[in-house]
N, C-alpha and C. Protein backbone atom coordinates (compact mmCIF):
# COMPACT_ATOMS: atom_id res chain seq x y z
N MET A 1 -2.69 -16.48 38.48
CA MET A 1 -3.44 -17.01 39.59
C MET A 1 -4.75 -17.60 39.06
N LYS A 2 -5.16 -18.68 39.69
CA LYS A 2 -6.39 -19.37 39.32
C LYS A 2 -7.19 -19.61 40.59
N ILE A 3 -8.50 -19.37 40.53
CA ILE A 3 -9.37 -19.59 41.69
C ILE A 3 -10.46 -20.59 41.32
N ILE A 4 -10.54 -21.65 42.10
CA ILE A 4 -11.58 -22.66 41.92
C ILE A 4 -12.58 -22.47 43.06
N GLU A 5 -13.84 -22.24 42.69
CA GLU A 5 -14.90 -22.02 43.68
C GLU A 5 -15.70 -23.30 43.83
N ARG A 6 -15.93 -23.70 45.08
CA ARG A 6 -16.79 -24.85 45.32
C ARG A 6 -17.62 -24.62 46.57
N GLN A 7 -18.77 -25.25 46.59
CA GLN A 7 -19.72 -25.11 47.69
C GLN A 7 -19.56 -26.29 48.63
N SER A 8 -19.57 -26.01 49.93
CA SER A 8 -19.55 -27.06 50.94
C SER A 8 -20.58 -26.69 52.00
N GLY A 9 -21.81 -27.14 51.80
CA GLY A 9 -22.90 -26.73 52.68
C GLY A 9 -23.21 -25.26 52.45
N ASP A 10 -23.21 -24.49 53.53
CA ASP A 10 -23.47 -23.05 53.43
C ASP A 10 -22.19 -22.25 53.18
N VAL A 11 -21.08 -22.93 53.09
CA VAL A 11 -19.78 -22.27 52.97
C VAL A 11 -19.26 -22.39 51.54
N VAL A 12 -18.68 -21.29 51.05
CA VAL A 12 -18.02 -21.31 49.75
C VAL A 12 -16.52 -21.39 50.00
N VAL A 13 -15.87 -22.35 49.35
CA VAL A 13 -14.43 -22.52 49.46
C VAL A 13 -13.80 -21.98 48.18
N LEU A 14 -12.85 -21.07 48.35
CA LEU A 14 -12.09 -20.55 47.21
C LEU A 14 -10.70 -21.16 47.26
N GLU A 15 -10.47 -22.10 46.37
CA GLU A 15 -9.17 -22.76 46.29
C GLU A 15 -8.30 -21.94 45.34
N ILE A 16 -7.29 -21.30 45.90
CA ILE A 16 -6.46 -20.37 45.12
C ILE A 16 -5.15 -21.06 44.74
N HIS A 17 -4.83 -20.99 43.46
CA HIS A 17 -3.60 -21.58 42.95
C HIS A 17 -2.74 -20.48 42.36
N GLY A 18 -1.48 -20.44 42.77
CA GLY A 18 -0.56 -19.44 42.25
C GLY A 18 -0.43 -18.26 43.20
N PRO A 19 0.52 -17.39 42.91
CA PRO A 19 0.78 -16.26 43.80
C PRO A 19 -0.32 -15.21 43.73
N ILE A 20 -0.59 -14.59 44.87
CA ILE A 20 -1.51 -13.45 44.91
C ILE A 20 -0.61 -12.22 44.90
N VAL A 21 -0.14 -11.90 43.72
CA VAL A 21 0.84 -10.84 43.54
C VAL A 21 0.36 -9.89 42.45
N GLY A 22 0.44 -8.62 42.73
CA GLY A 22 0.07 -7.62 41.74
C GLY A 22 -1.39 -7.24 41.81
N ARG A 23 -1.67 -6.13 41.20
CA ARG A 23 -3.03 -5.58 41.25
C ARG A 23 -4.04 -6.46 40.52
N ARG A 24 -3.61 -7.10 39.43
CA ARG A 24 -4.54 -7.95 38.66
C ARG A 24 -5.05 -9.12 39.50
N ALA A 25 -4.14 -9.80 40.18
CA ALA A 25 -4.53 -10.93 41.03
C ALA A 25 -5.41 -10.47 42.18
N ALA A 26 -5.05 -9.34 42.77
CA ALA A 26 -5.84 -8.80 43.88
C ALA A 26 -7.25 -8.45 43.42
N MET A 27 -7.36 -7.82 42.26
CA MET A 27 -8.67 -7.45 41.74
C MET A 27 -9.51 -8.68 41.40
N MET A 28 -8.86 -9.72 40.93
CA MET A 28 -9.57 -10.97 40.59
C MET A 28 -10.22 -11.56 41.85
N LEU A 29 -9.44 -11.64 42.92
CA LEU A 29 -9.95 -12.17 44.19
C LEU A 29 -11.02 -11.25 44.77
N GLU A 30 -10.77 -9.96 44.72
CA GLU A 30 -11.72 -8.98 45.25
C GLU A 30 -13.07 -9.05 44.53
N SER A 31 -13.05 -9.14 43.22
CA SER A 31 -14.30 -9.19 42.46
C SER A 31 -15.07 -10.48 42.75
N MET A 32 -14.35 -11.58 42.97
CA MET A 32 -15.02 -12.84 43.29
C MET A 32 -15.71 -12.75 44.65
N VAL A 33 -15.03 -12.18 45.64
CA VAL A 33 -15.62 -12.06 46.97
C VAL A 33 -16.83 -11.12 46.94
N ARG A 34 -16.72 -10.03 46.20
CA ARG A 34 -17.86 -9.11 46.08
C ARG A 34 -19.06 -9.79 45.42
N ARG A 35 -18.79 -10.57 44.39
CA ARG A 35 -19.86 -11.30 43.70
C ARG A 35 -20.54 -12.27 44.66
N LEU A 36 -19.75 -12.96 45.46
CA LEU A 36 -20.32 -13.90 46.43
C LEU A 36 -21.16 -13.15 47.46
N GLY A 37 -20.67 -11.98 47.89
CA GLY A 37 -21.43 -11.18 48.85
C GLY A 37 -22.77 -10.73 48.29
N ARG A 38 -22.78 -10.34 47.00
CA ARG A 38 -24.04 -9.93 46.36
C ARG A 38 -25.01 -11.10 46.25
N LYS A 39 -24.48 -12.31 46.14
CA LYS A 39 -25.33 -13.51 46.06
C LYS A 39 -25.85 -13.93 47.43
N GLY A 40 -25.37 -13.28 48.48
CA GLY A 40 -25.85 -13.60 49.82
C GLY A 40 -25.00 -14.60 50.58
N VAL A 41 -23.85 -14.95 50.05
CA VAL A 41 -22.95 -15.88 50.73
C VAL A 41 -22.38 -15.17 51.96
N ARG A 42 -22.39 -15.82 53.10
CA ARG A 42 -21.90 -15.20 54.33
C ARG A 42 -20.69 -15.89 54.92
N SER A 43 -20.31 -17.05 54.41
CA SER A 43 -19.13 -17.76 54.91
C SER A 43 -18.25 -18.16 53.74
N VAL A 44 -17.01 -17.67 53.78
CA VAL A 44 -16.05 -17.97 52.72
C VAL A 44 -14.76 -18.46 53.36
N VAL A 45 -14.24 -19.56 52.83
CA VAL A 45 -12.96 -20.09 53.25
C VAL A 45 -11.99 -19.92 52.09
N ALA A 46 -10.88 -19.24 52.33
CA ALA A 46 -9.84 -19.09 51.32
C ALA A 46 -8.79 -20.16 51.58
N ASP A 47 -8.72 -21.14 50.68
CA ASP A 47 -7.74 -22.22 50.76
C ASP A 47 -6.45 -21.72 50.12
N LEU A 48 -5.45 -21.42 50.96
CA LEU A 48 -4.18 -20.85 50.48
C LEU A 48 -3.07 -21.89 50.41
N GLY A 49 -3.42 -23.16 50.40
CA GLY A 49 -2.42 -24.23 50.36
C GLY A 49 -1.55 -24.24 49.13
N HIS A 50 -2.04 -23.64 48.04
CA HIS A 50 -1.27 -23.62 46.79
C HIS A 50 -0.76 -22.22 46.46
N VAL A 51 -0.77 -21.34 47.46
CA VAL A 51 -0.27 -19.98 47.27
C VAL A 51 1.12 -19.90 47.90
N ARG A 52 2.12 -19.65 47.07
CA ARG A 52 3.50 -19.61 47.57
C ARG A 52 3.97 -18.20 47.91
N SER A 53 3.32 -17.19 47.33
CA SER A 53 3.72 -15.82 47.65
C SER A 53 2.52 -14.90 47.64
N LEU A 54 2.69 -13.82 48.38
CA LEU A 54 1.63 -12.86 48.60
C LEU A 54 2.28 -11.49 48.76
N ASP A 55 1.81 -10.50 48.02
CA ASP A 55 2.39 -9.16 48.16
C ASP A 55 1.41 -8.25 48.89
N LEU A 56 1.75 -6.97 48.95
CA LEU A 56 0.93 -6.00 49.67
C LEU A 56 -0.48 -5.92 49.11
N ALA A 57 -0.61 -5.92 47.79
CA ALA A 57 -1.94 -5.86 47.18
C ALA A 57 -2.77 -7.09 47.55
N GLY A 58 -2.15 -8.25 47.53
CA GLY A 58 -2.84 -9.49 47.89
C GLY A 58 -3.24 -9.52 49.35
N LEU A 59 -2.34 -9.08 50.22
CA LEU A 59 -2.64 -9.03 51.64
C LEU A 59 -3.77 -8.04 51.91
N GLY A 60 -3.73 -6.90 51.24
CA GLY A 60 -4.79 -5.92 51.38
C GLY A 60 -6.14 -6.45 50.92
N THR A 61 -6.12 -7.24 49.86
CA THR A 61 -7.36 -7.84 49.35
C THR A 61 -7.94 -8.83 50.35
N LEU A 62 -7.08 -9.61 51.01
CA LEU A 62 -7.58 -10.54 52.03
C LEU A 62 -8.23 -9.78 53.18
N VAL A 63 -7.60 -8.68 53.59
CA VAL A 63 -8.17 -7.86 54.66
C VAL A 63 -9.50 -7.25 54.21
N ASP A 64 -9.54 -6.74 52.97
CA ASP A 64 -10.78 -6.16 52.44
C ASP A 64 -11.89 -7.20 52.38
N ALA A 65 -11.56 -8.40 51.96
CA ALA A 65 -12.56 -9.48 51.88
C ALA A 65 -13.10 -9.79 53.28
N HIS A 66 -12.19 -9.85 54.23
CA HIS A 66 -12.60 -10.10 55.61
C HIS A 66 -13.55 -9.01 56.10
N MET A 67 -13.19 -7.76 55.85
CA MET A 67 -14.00 -6.63 56.30
C MET A 67 -15.37 -6.60 55.60
N ALA A 68 -15.39 -6.87 54.30
CA ALA A 68 -16.65 -6.85 53.56
C ALA A 68 -17.62 -7.90 54.10
N LEU A 69 -17.13 -9.10 54.33
CA LEU A 69 -18.00 -10.14 54.85
C LEU A 69 -18.36 -9.89 56.32
N ARG A 70 -17.44 -9.30 57.03
CA ARG A 70 -17.71 -8.96 58.44
C ARG A 70 -18.87 -7.96 58.53
N LYS A 71 -18.85 -6.96 57.65
CA LYS A 71 -19.92 -5.95 57.63
C LYS A 71 -21.26 -6.57 57.25
N ALA A 72 -21.22 -7.67 56.52
CA ALA A 72 -22.46 -8.37 56.11
C ALA A 72 -22.81 -9.48 57.09
N ASN A 73 -22.23 -9.41 58.31
CA ASN A 73 -22.45 -10.43 59.35
C ASN A 73 -22.01 -11.81 58.90
N GLY A 74 -20.97 -11.85 58.10
CA GLY A 74 -20.42 -13.12 57.65
C GLY A 74 -19.01 -13.30 58.15
N LYS A 75 -18.32 -14.26 57.57
CA LYS A 75 -16.93 -14.46 57.95
C LYS A 75 -16.11 -14.91 56.75
N PHE A 76 -14.85 -14.54 56.79
CA PHE A 76 -13.88 -14.89 55.77
C PHE A 76 -12.69 -15.45 56.53
N VAL A 77 -12.42 -16.73 56.33
CA VAL A 77 -11.34 -17.37 57.07
C VAL A 77 -10.30 -17.93 56.12
N LEU A 78 -9.10 -18.16 56.65
CA LEU A 78 -8.00 -18.69 55.86
C LEU A 78 -7.73 -20.14 56.27
N ALA A 79 -7.46 -20.97 55.29
CA ALA A 79 -7.14 -22.37 55.57
C ALA A 79 -5.88 -22.77 54.81
N CYS A 80 -5.16 -23.71 55.37
CA CYS A 80 -3.98 -24.30 54.73
C CYS A 80 -2.91 -23.27 54.39
N ILE A 81 -2.72 -22.27 55.24
CA ILE A 81 -1.72 -21.27 54.90
C ILE A 81 -0.32 -21.87 55.02
N THR A 82 0.53 -21.47 54.10
CA THR A 82 1.91 -21.96 54.10
C THR A 82 2.69 -21.28 55.22
N ARG A 83 3.83 -21.82 55.52
CA ARG A 83 4.67 -21.26 56.59
C ARG A 83 5.05 -19.81 56.29
N ARG A 84 5.39 -19.54 55.05
CA ARG A 84 5.80 -18.18 54.67
C ARG A 84 4.65 -17.19 54.85
N ILE A 85 3.46 -17.57 54.42
CA ILE A 85 2.31 -16.68 54.57
C ILE A 85 1.94 -16.56 56.05
N HIS A 86 2.05 -17.64 56.79
CA HIS A 86 1.80 -17.58 58.24
C HIS A 86 2.74 -16.57 58.89
N ASP A 87 4.01 -16.64 58.56
CA ASP A 87 4.98 -15.70 59.12
C ASP A 87 4.63 -14.26 58.75
N LEU A 88 4.19 -14.05 57.52
CA LEU A 88 3.80 -12.72 57.08
C LEU A 88 2.58 -12.21 57.86
N VAL A 89 1.62 -13.08 58.08
CA VAL A 89 0.42 -12.71 58.85
C VAL A 89 0.80 -12.38 60.29
N VAL A 90 1.74 -13.11 60.85
CA VAL A 90 2.20 -12.84 62.21
C VAL A 90 2.96 -11.51 62.27
N ILE A 91 3.89 -11.31 61.35
CA ILE A 91 4.70 -10.08 61.33
C ILE A 91 3.82 -8.84 61.20
N THR A 92 2.80 -8.91 60.38
CA THR A 92 1.92 -7.76 60.15
C THR A 92 0.82 -7.65 61.20
N ARG A 93 0.84 -8.54 62.17
CA ARG A 93 -0.14 -8.56 63.26
C ARG A 93 -1.56 -8.81 62.79
N LEU A 94 -1.71 -9.46 61.66
CA LEU A 94 -3.03 -9.79 61.14
C LEU A 94 -3.55 -11.12 61.67
N LEU A 95 -2.72 -11.81 62.45
CA LEU A 95 -3.16 -13.07 63.03
C LEU A 95 -4.33 -12.83 64.00
N THR A 96 -4.41 -11.62 64.56
CA THR A 96 -5.53 -11.29 65.44
C THR A 96 -6.78 -10.95 64.65
N VAL A 97 -6.65 -10.76 63.34
CA VAL A 97 -7.79 -10.42 62.49
C VAL A 97 -8.40 -11.66 61.87
N PHE A 98 -7.56 -12.50 61.30
CA PHE A 98 -8.04 -13.68 60.57
C PHE A 98 -8.17 -14.90 61.47
N GLU A 99 -9.23 -15.66 61.22
CA GLU A 99 -9.30 -17.01 61.77
C GLU A 99 -8.52 -17.87 60.78
N THR A 100 -7.63 -18.70 61.28
CA THR A 100 -6.86 -19.58 60.40
C THR A 100 -7.06 -21.03 60.85
N TYR A 101 -7.06 -21.92 59.86
CA TYR A 101 -7.27 -23.34 60.12
C TYR A 101 -6.24 -24.16 59.35
N ASP A 102 -5.90 -25.31 59.89
CA ASP A 102 -4.92 -26.18 59.25
C ASP A 102 -5.46 -26.84 57.99
N SER A 103 -6.77 -27.03 57.93
CA SER A 103 -7.35 -27.68 56.76
C SER A 103 -8.68 -27.02 56.40
N VAL A 104 -9.09 -27.23 55.17
CA VAL A 104 -10.37 -26.70 54.71
C VAL A 104 -11.51 -27.35 55.49
N GLU A 105 -11.39 -28.63 55.77
CA GLU A 105 -12.43 -29.34 56.51
C GLU A 105 -12.62 -28.73 57.90
N ASP A 106 -11.51 -28.40 58.57
CA ASP A 106 -11.61 -27.75 59.88
C ASP A 106 -12.30 -26.40 59.77
N ALA A 107 -11.97 -25.65 58.74
CA ALA A 107 -12.56 -24.31 58.55
C ALA A 107 -14.05 -24.41 58.24
N VAL A 108 -14.42 -25.35 57.39
CA VAL A 108 -15.83 -25.50 57.02
C VAL A 108 -16.65 -25.97 58.22
N GLY A 109 -16.10 -26.85 59.02
CA GLY A 109 -16.83 -27.42 60.15
C GLY A 109 -16.74 -26.60 61.42
N ALA A 110 -16.02 -25.49 61.39
CA ALA A 110 -15.83 -24.68 62.60
C ALA A 110 -17.14 -24.09 63.08
N LYS A 111 -17.33 -24.16 64.36
CA LYS A 111 -18.54 -23.60 64.96
C LYS A 111 -18.18 -22.35 65.76
N THR A 112 -17.19 -21.61 65.29
CA THR A 112 -16.77 -20.41 66.00
C THR A 112 -17.69 -19.25 65.68
N PRO A 113 -17.70 -18.23 66.51
CA PRO A 113 -18.49 -17.04 66.19
C PRO A 113 -18.01 -16.43 64.88
N ALA A 114 -18.86 -15.61 64.26
CA ALA A 114 -18.53 -15.01 62.98
C ALA A 114 -17.28 -14.15 63.06
N PHE A 115 -16.96 -13.61 64.25
CA PHE A 115 -15.79 -12.75 64.33
C PHE A 115 -15.13 -12.96 65.68
N VAL A 116 -13.90 -13.45 65.68
CA VAL A 116 -13.19 -13.69 66.93
C VAL A 116 -11.89 -12.91 67.01
N GLY A 117 -11.58 -12.16 65.99
CA GLY A 117 -10.32 -11.41 65.96
C GLY A 117 -10.46 -10.04 66.58
N ALA A 118 -9.58 -9.15 66.14
CA ALA A 118 -9.58 -7.78 66.63
C ALA A 118 -10.82 -7.05 66.14
N ASN A 119 -11.17 -5.97 66.82
CA ASN A 119 -12.33 -5.20 66.36
C ASN A 119 -11.97 -4.35 65.15
N SER A 120 -12.98 -3.82 64.49
CA SER A 120 -12.78 -3.08 63.25
C SER A 120 -11.90 -1.86 63.43
N ARG A 121 -11.99 -1.21 64.58
CA ARG A 121 -11.17 -0.01 64.81
C ARG A 121 -9.69 -0.35 64.83
N SER A 122 -9.34 -1.51 65.41
CA SER A 122 -7.92 -1.85 65.45
C SER A 122 -7.39 -2.17 64.06
N ILE A 123 -8.25 -2.69 63.18
CA ILE A 123 -7.84 -2.94 61.80
C ILE A 123 -7.57 -1.62 61.11
N ALA A 124 -8.43 -0.63 61.35
CA ALA A 124 -8.26 0.67 60.73
C ALA A 124 -6.97 1.33 61.17
N LYS A 125 -6.50 1.02 62.37
CA LYS A 125 -5.26 1.62 62.87
C LYS A 125 -4.02 0.99 62.25
N LEU A 126 -4.19 -0.18 61.64
CA LEU A 126 -3.06 -0.81 60.97
C LEU A 126 -2.56 0.11 59.87
N ARG A 127 -1.33 0.38 59.88
CA ARG A 127 -0.78 1.28 58.87
C ARG A 127 -0.25 0.49 57.70
N LEU A 128 -0.61 0.96 56.53
CA LEU A 128 -0.17 0.30 55.32
C LEU A 128 1.35 0.28 55.23
N GLY A 129 1.98 1.31 55.73
CA GLY A 129 3.45 1.38 55.72
C GLY A 129 4.08 0.25 56.51
N THR A 130 3.48 -0.10 57.63
CA THR A 130 3.98 -1.20 58.45
C THR A 130 3.91 -2.50 57.69
N ILE A 131 2.79 -2.73 57.03
CA ILE A 131 2.61 -3.94 56.24
C ILE A 131 3.61 -3.96 55.08
N HIS A 132 3.78 -2.82 54.44
CA HIS A 132 4.70 -2.71 53.30
C HIS A 132 6.14 -3.03 53.74
N ARG A 133 6.57 -2.47 54.88
CA ARG A 133 7.93 -2.75 55.37
C ARG A 133 8.10 -4.22 55.69
N ALA A 134 7.07 -4.84 56.28
CA ALA A 134 7.15 -6.25 56.61
C ALA A 134 7.26 -7.10 55.37
N LEU A 135 6.52 -6.74 54.33
CA LEU A 135 6.58 -7.50 53.08
C LEU A 135 7.95 -7.37 52.42
N ARG A 136 8.54 -6.21 52.47
CA ARG A 136 9.87 -6.04 51.88
C ARG A 136 10.92 -6.87 52.59
N GLY A 137 10.72 -7.05 53.89
CA GLY A 137 11.69 -7.84 54.68
C GLY A 137 11.46 -9.32 54.60
N ALA A 138 10.29 -9.75 54.09
CA ALA A 138 9.95 -11.17 54.05
C ALA A 138 10.66 -11.88 52.92
């Protein structure tokens, strides 16, 4: 997996290439988001247009990134998600958590509130087993 970071105004765009599969890829993305948070970045767009697969560790990392930025009064949104990843997000009921956009430009220019999905308590109720079963069936 390769991540290209670029700035677009106040928003950082993470263009991800390759599968977000395995602990190594998840840790790579997680450390980048944490570093951005320490730098004071509050808006991150994950461009998933070049991501063909995502496993449980990768999905968990996206949720963790969302929660970390949410706690810092920021937002973490997904752009250009593929059909397969969209289906996975729907199956795992994470569509209510993530803001998703068809393009990076739409995500960067969005004037939506920092958080429009489910509240933090409903995310905590999500069971990892449910996500794991959905991934196995995908």
